[in-house]
Amino acid sequence: MTHPPEQRIQELNQQLAAARRERDQLNEEAKSWAQKRNQTDQQIKALQTEAKSLREERDEANLQVQVLKAAREKARDQRKEKHDQIIKIKEQIKALAQKKPLTKLKDLETKIQNLEWKIQTSSLSVKEEKALVEQVQALEKERVTYKKQQKLRNSLLQLQAETKTLETQAKLNHEKLSNLAEQSQKHHLQLMQILGEVKSLKQTADSAHQKCIQLRQKADTFHEKSIETQQQISSLKAQLAQKEKQQYEKRGQALREEATRKAKEKMRRGEKLTWEEFTLLAEPEETDKETTEH
């Protein structure tokens, strides 16, 4: 059943209003999802900046850890080397201890000086002088052994002090290393947590973006529908306007014909015509117009 144009236009206007409402609502929803996406993107950027800072701090800590490990190992190697030297020196000292004279170094030197003075100043036989020289030589050997042992003891003390220093250095490096390793692990865990948040937020942003696109596509569909409906309304209104124009012209023609008929009757009755009636009678008949046109 065909509806009258006026009714059809009313229906189309209702459809147009509904399509525009749906379109505007979808665009608002799309705008809301776009804002959520943009806000999420801002959160992601902030977290990525924080992650970059944490990664740099973690890497710097790891680098220092490697440096301290190398220093610790070097100190351990040096300590082991010096420890081996200490063992050798102790063995040498132990070996020399068996040859250590009972006399003190000062007494040894006094004896040597006295014997040398006696050899130089006394009249001695060859045999006596030889005996004294042999005594000096024996005492000299004891003095050399004493000094060698003393030198080894000094070296031992020096090595023990150096070993202690290396132990302290290795301990400090180990403590620093442990602190840095703990700090690096803390940064790493924070970094992993942030990267997890970034991953989750990216999924949220992607979902919001897809939702925004879908809503805008649907809004575009309703927008196209509203344009099509508007075109239909415009077409129907044009048709109505054309129909009203034709009806207006038809009514005008009927009024002119009626007025012409009445004017002719007045003229037959000999009544006075108005200027409008006279002008109307002066116009050619419709059939005359058609004949003239042909």
Protein backbone atom coordinates (compact mmCIF):
# COMPACT_ATOMS: atom_id res chain seq x y z
CA MET A 1 0.00 0.00 0.00
CA THR A 2 1.43 3.35 -1.09
CA HIS A 3 1.34 6.09 1.54
CA PRO A 4 0.59 9.71 0.62
CA PRO A 5 3.74 11.83 0.15
CA GLU A 6 3.02 13.91 3.25
CA GLN A 7 2.74 10.78 5.39
CA ARG A 8 5.81 9.32 3.74
CA ILE A 9 7.77 12.51 4.48
CA GLN A 10 6.67 12.36 8.12
CA GLU A 11 7.81 8.75 8.34
CA LEU A 12 11.12 9.59 6.70
CA ASN A 13 11.64 12.53 9.07
CA GLN A 14 11.18 10.17 11.99
CA GLN A 15 13.64 7.73 10.43
CA LEU A 16 16.07 10.60 9.80
CA ALA A 17 15.85 11.78 13.41
CA ALA A 18 16.37 8.22 14.68
CA ALA A 19 19.37 7.69 12.36
CA ARG A 20 20.93 10.97 13.48
CA ARG A 21 20.38 10.14 17.16
CA GLU A 22 21.96 6.73 16.66
CA ARG A 23 24.83 8.26 14.70
CA ASP A 24 25.48 10.94 17.35
CA GLN A 25 25.28 8.38 20.16
CA LEU A 26 27.74 6.09 18.38
CA ASN A 27 30.09 9.02 17.74
CA GLU A 28 29.94 9.95 21.44
CA GLU A 29 30.74 6.37 22.41
CA ALA A 30 33.57 6.30 19.88
CA LYS A 31 34.87 9.58 21.30
CA SER A 32 34.78 8.07 24.81
CA TRP A 33 36.76 5.02 23.66
CA ALA A 34 39.22 7.28 21.82
CA GLN A 35 39.77 9.28 25.03
CA LYS A 36 40.32 6.05 26.96
CA ARG A 37 42.80 4.91 24.29
CA ASN A 38 44.66 8.25 24.43
CA GLN A 39 44.77 8.23 28.23
CA THR A 40 46.08 4.66 28.14
CA ASP A 41 48.72 5.69 25.60
CA GLN A 42 49.84 8.45 27.97
CA GLN A 43 50.12 5.92 30.80
CA ILE A 44 52.13 3.64 28.53
CA LYS A 45 54.53 6.48 27.62
CA ALA A 46 55.03 7.37 31.28
CA LEU A 47 55.69 3.72 32.19
CA GLN A 48 58.06 3.30 29.23
CA THR A 49 60.04 6.33 30.43
CA GLU A 50 60.22 4.82 33.93
CA ALA A 51 61.18 1.44 32.44
CA LYS A 52 63.99 3.08 30.44
CA SER A 53 65.35 4.71 33.59
CA LEU A 54 65.17 1.43 35.55
CA ARG A 55 66.83 -0.48 32.72
CA GLU A 56 69.70 2.02 32.64
CA GLU A 57 70.11 1.85 36.43
CA ARG A 58 69.99 -1.96 36.33
CA ASP A 59 72.55 -2.15 33.52
CA GLU A 60 74.83 0.32 35.31
CA ALA A 61 74.58 -1.75 38.50
CA ASN A 62 75.35 -4.93 36.52
CA LEU A 63 78.37 -3.26 34.97
CA GLN A 64 79.67 -2.23 38.41
CA VAL A 65 79.01 -5.77 39.63
CA GLN A 66 81.22 -7.14 36.86
CA VAL A 67 83.96 -4.62 37.69
CA LEU A 68 83.80 -5.50 41.39
CA LYS A 69 83.80 -9.22 40.62
CA ALA A 70 86.95 -8.78 38.58
CA ALA A 71 88.53 -6.74 41.40
CA ARG A 72 87.48 -9.35 43.98
CA GLU A 73 88.91 -12.22 41.92
CA LYS A 74 92.11 -10.27 41.34
CA ALA A 75 92.42 -9.64 45.09
CA ARG A 76 91.78 -13.33 45.79
CA ASP A 77 94.42 -14.36 43.26
CA GLN A 78 96.93 -11.90 44.77
CA ARG A 79 96.06 -13.14 48.27
CA LYS A 80 96.61 -16.75 47.21
CA GLU A 81 99.91 -15.81 45.61
CA LYS A 82 101.07 -14.05 48.76
CA HIS A 83 99.78 -16.91 50.91
CA ASP A 84 101.94 -19.32 48.91
CA GLN A 85 104.88 -16.97 49.41
CA ILE A 86 104.18 -16.90 53.17
CA ILE A 87 104.23 -20.71 53.30
CA LYS A 88 107.58 -20.81 51.51
CA ILE A 89 109.07 -18.14 53.78
CA LYS A 90 107.84 -19.98 56.88
CA GLU A 91 109.48 -23.14 55.58
CA GLN A 92 112.71 -21.22 55.00
CA ILE A 93 112.50 -19.67 58.46
CA LYS A 94 111.87 -23.10 59.94
CA ALA A 95 114.88 -24.48 58.11
CA LEU A 96 117.06 -21.59 59.24
CA ALA A 97 115.78 -21.88 62.79
CA GLN A 98 117.72 -25.13 63.10
CA LYS A 99 120.91 -23.21 62.27
CA LYS A 100 120.06 -20.20 64.41
CA PRO A 101 122.90 -19.32 66.77
CA LEU A 102 122.18 -19.07 70.44
CA THR A 103 124.10 -15.81 70.63
CA LYS A 104 122.42 -12.54 69.85
CA LEU A 105 123.42 -10.65 66.73
CA LYS A 106 125.05 -7.90 68.77
CA ASP A 107 127.15 -10.42 70.69
CA LEU A 108 128.12 -12.14 67.43
CA GLU A 109 129.29 -8.90 65.94
CA THR A 110 131.24 -8.05 69.11
CA LYS A 111 132.99 -11.43 69.03
CA ILE A 112 133.83 -10.98 65.34
CA GLN A 113 135.25 -7.50 65.97
CA ASN A 114 137.32 -8.73 68.92
CA LEU A 115 138.75 -11.63 66.94
CA GLU A 116 139.52 -9.44 63.95
CA TRP A 117 141.22 -6.91 66.26
CA LYS A 118 143.26 -9.68 67.89
CA ILE A 119 144.37 -11.01 64.50
CA GLN A 120 145.46 -7.55 63.40
CA THR A 121 147.24 -6.47 66.58
CA SER A 122 148.67 -9.64 68.13
CA SER A 123 151.80 -11.58 67.22
CA LEU A 124 150.41 -14.93 66.34
CA SER A 125 151.81 -18.02 64.85
CA VAL A 126 150.43 -19.22 61.60
CA LYS A 127 148.54 -21.96 63.31
CA GLU A 128 147.04 -19.58 65.90
CA GLU A 129 146.07 -17.03 63.25
CA LYS A 130 144.47 -19.76 61.12
CA ALA A 131 142.41 -20.91 64.11
CA LEU A 132 141.22 -17.37 64.78
CA VAL A 133 140.31 -16.80 61.09
CA GLU A 134 138.32 -20.03 61.10
CA GLN A 135 136.47 -18.81 64.21
CA VAL A 136 135.70 -15.50 62.45
CA GLN A 137 134.43 -17.34 59.38
CA ALA A 138 132.18 -19.55 61.49
CA LEU A 139 130.81 -16.52 63.31
CA GLU A 140 130.29 -14.76 59.94
CA LYS A 141 128.19 -17.69 58.73
CA GLU A 142 126.12 -17.48 61.89
CA ARG A 143 125.66 -13.73 61.36
CA VAL A 144 124.61 -14.27 57.72
CA THR A 145 122.11 -16.90 58.84
CA TYR A 146 120.81 -14.58 61.54
CA LYS A 147 120.40 -11.67 59.10
CA LYS A 148 118.83 -13.90 56.47
CA GLN A 149 116.32 -15.17 59.01
CA GLN A 150 115.59 -11.62 60.13
CA LYS A 151 115.08 -10.53 56.54
CA LEU A 152 112.69 -13.44 55.95
CA ARG A 153 110.76 -12.49 59.09
CA ASN A 154 110.44 -8.91 57.84
CA SER A 155 109.25 -10.19 54.47
CA LEU A 156 106.80 -12.47 56.25
CA LEU A 157 105.37 -9.57 58.25
CA GLN A 158 105.10 -7.49 55.07
CA LEU A 159 103.33 -10.29 53.20
CA GLN A 160 100.97 -10.93 56.12
CA ALA A 161 100.08 -7.22 56.22
CA GLU A 162 99.51 -7.18 52.46
CA THR A 163 97.41 -10.34 52.73
CA LYS A 164 95.28 -8.71 55.42
CA THR A 165 94.82 -5.65 53.23
CA LEU A 166 93.79 -7.84 50.29
CA GLU A 167 91.36 -9.74 52.52
CA THR A 168 89.79 -6.45 53.66
CA GLN A 169 89.66 -5.19 50.09
CA ALA A 170 88.09 -8.43 48.86
CA LYS A 171 85.53 -8.29 51.70
CA LEU A 172 84.62 -4.68 50.90
CA ASN A 173 84.33 -5.47 47.20
CA HIS A 174 82.15 -8.47 48.00
CA GLU A 175 79.86 -6.35 50.19
CA LYS A 176 79.58 -3.69 47.49
CA LEU A 177 79.01 -6.40 44.92
CA SER A 178 76.25 -7.98 47.01
CA ASN A 179 74.54 -4.62 47.52
CA LEU A 180 74.73 -3.78 43.83
CA ALA A 181 73.51 -7.24 42.83
CA GLU A 182 70.56 -6.84 45.21
CA GLN A 183 69.90 -3.37 43.79
CA SER A 184 70.13 -4.72 40.23
CA GLN A 185 67.69 -7.51 41.05
CA LYS A 186 65.30 -5.00 42.60
CA HIS A 187 65.47 -2.81 39.47
CA HIS A 188 64.99 -5.88 37.30
CA LEU A 189 61.87 -6.99 39.19
CA GLN A 190 60.44 -3.47 39.01
CA LEU A 191 61.25 -3.38 35.31
CA MET A 192 59.51 -6.71 34.70
CA GLN A 193 56.47 -5.49 36.63
CA ILE A 194 56.32 -2.28 34.58
CA LEU A 195 56.77 -4.15 31.30
CA GLY A 196 53.90 -6.42 32.34
CA GLU A 197 51.75 -3.36 33.03
CA VAL A 198 52.76 -1.88 29.66
CA LYS A 199 51.78 -5.10 27.91
CA SER A 200 48.41 -5.13 29.65
CA LEU A 201 47.84 -1.44 28.89
CA LYS A 202 48.74 -1.94 25.24
CA GLN A 203 46.09 -4.63 25.01
CA THR A 204 43.61 -2.23 26.64
CA ALA A 205 44.61 0.56 24.24
CA ASP A 206 44.35 -1.76 21.22
CA SER A 207 40.94 -2.95 22.37
CA ALA A 208 39.76 0.64 22.87
CA HIS A 209 41.11 1.58 19.44
CA GLN A 210 39.29 -1.32 17.77
CA LYS A 211 36.11 -0.44 19.65
CA CYS A 212 36.46 3.18 18.53
CA ILE A 213 36.90 2.13 14.88
CA GLN A 214 33.91 -0.23 15.01
CA LEU A 215 31.67 2.44 16.54
CA ARG A 216 32.76 5.03 13.98
CA GLN A 217 32.11 2.60 11.17
CA LYS A 218 28.61 1.99 12.54
CA ALA A 219 28.15 5.75 12.97
CA ASP A 220 29.21 6.24 9.33
CA THR A 221 26.58 3.69 8.30
CA PHE A 222 23.87 5.67 10.10
CA HIS A 223 25.28 8.90 8.68
CA GLU A 224 25.01 7.52 5.15
CA LYS A 225 21.50 6.33 5.96
CA SER A 226 20.57 9.81 7.20
CA ILE A 227 21.94 11.36 4.00
CA GLU A 228 19.97 8.91 1.90
CA THR A 229 16.82 9.57 3.94
CA GLN A 230 17.37 13.33 3.64
CA GLN A 231 17.67 12.97 -0.13
CA GLN A 232 14.40 11.00 -0.20
CA ILE A 233 12.69 13.72 1.85
CA SER A 234 14.04 16.43 -0.44
CA SER A 235 12.84 14.50 -3.50
CA LEU A 236 9.35 14.02 -2.04
CA LYS A 237 9.17 17.68 -1.01
CA ALA A 238 10.13 18.67 -4.55
CA GLN A 239 7.42 16.42 -5.92
CA LEU A 240 4.88 17.93 -3.50
CA ALA A 241 5.96 21.43 -4.43
CA GLN A 242 5.54 20.59 -8.12
CA LYS A 243 2.12 19.06 -7.44
CA GLU A 244 1.02 22.11 -5.41
CA LYS A 245 2.22 24.38 -8.21
CA GLN A 246 0.20 22.45 -10.75
CA GLN A 247 -2.87 22.52 -8.50
CA TYR A 248 -2.40 26.25 -7.95
CA GLU A 249 -2.15 26.86 -11.68
CA LYS A 250 -5.22 24.64 -12.28
CA ARG A 251 -7.25 26.56 -9.68
CA GLY A 252 -6.10 29.82 -11.21
CA GLN A 253 -7.15 28.67 -14.64
CA ALA A 254 -10.57 27.58 -13.32
CA LEU A 255 -11.07 30.99 -11.67
CA ARG A 256 -10.12 32.81 -14.87
CA GLU A 257 -12.52 30.69 -16.89
CA GLU A 258 -15.32 31.37 -14.39
CA ALA A 259 -14.58 35.08 -14.41
CA THR A 260 -14.50 35.09 -18.22
CA ARG A 261 -17.85 33.32 -18.36
CA LYS A 262 -19.42 35.85 -16.00
CA ALA A 263 -17.92 38.76 -17.95
CA LYS A 264 -19.37 37.41 -21.19
CA GLU A 265 -22.80 37.10 -19.58
CA LYS A 266 -22.60 40.72 -18.38
CA MET A 267 -21.54 41.79 -21.83
CA ARG A 268 -24.54 39.97 -23.39
CA ARG A 269 -26.80 41.65 -20.88
CA GLY A 270 -25.29 44.99 -21.80
CA GLU A 271 -23.90 45.61 -18.35
CA LYS A 272 -20.81 47.70 -17.81
CA LEU A 273 -17.59 45.71 -17.46
CA THR A 274 -14.82 46.40 -15.02
CA TRP A 275 -11.30 46.96 -16.29
CA GLU A 276 -10.29 43.53 -15.03
CA GLU A 277 -13.23 41.92 -16.87
CA PHE A 278 -12.47 43.87 -20.02
CA THR A 279 -8.83 42.78 -19.86
CA LEU A 280 -9.89 39.20 -19.23
CA LEU A 281 -12.17 39.18 -22.31
CA ALA A 282 -9.39 40.72 -24.34
CA GLU A 283 -7.13 37.74 -23.63
CA PRO A 284 -7.24 35.12 -26.41
CA GLU A 285 -9.12 31.90 -25.76
CA GLU A 286 -7.10 28.84 -24.76
CA THR A 287 -7.96 27.24 -28.08
CA ASP A 288 -6.83 30.38 -29.87
CA LYS A 289 -3.53 30.25 -27.99
CA GLU A 290 -2.99 26.70 -29.02
CA THR A 291 -3.87 27.54 -32.67
CA THR A 292 -1.51 30.52 -32.58
CA GLU A 293 1.28 28.45 -31.04
CA HIS A 294 0.86 25.85 -33.75
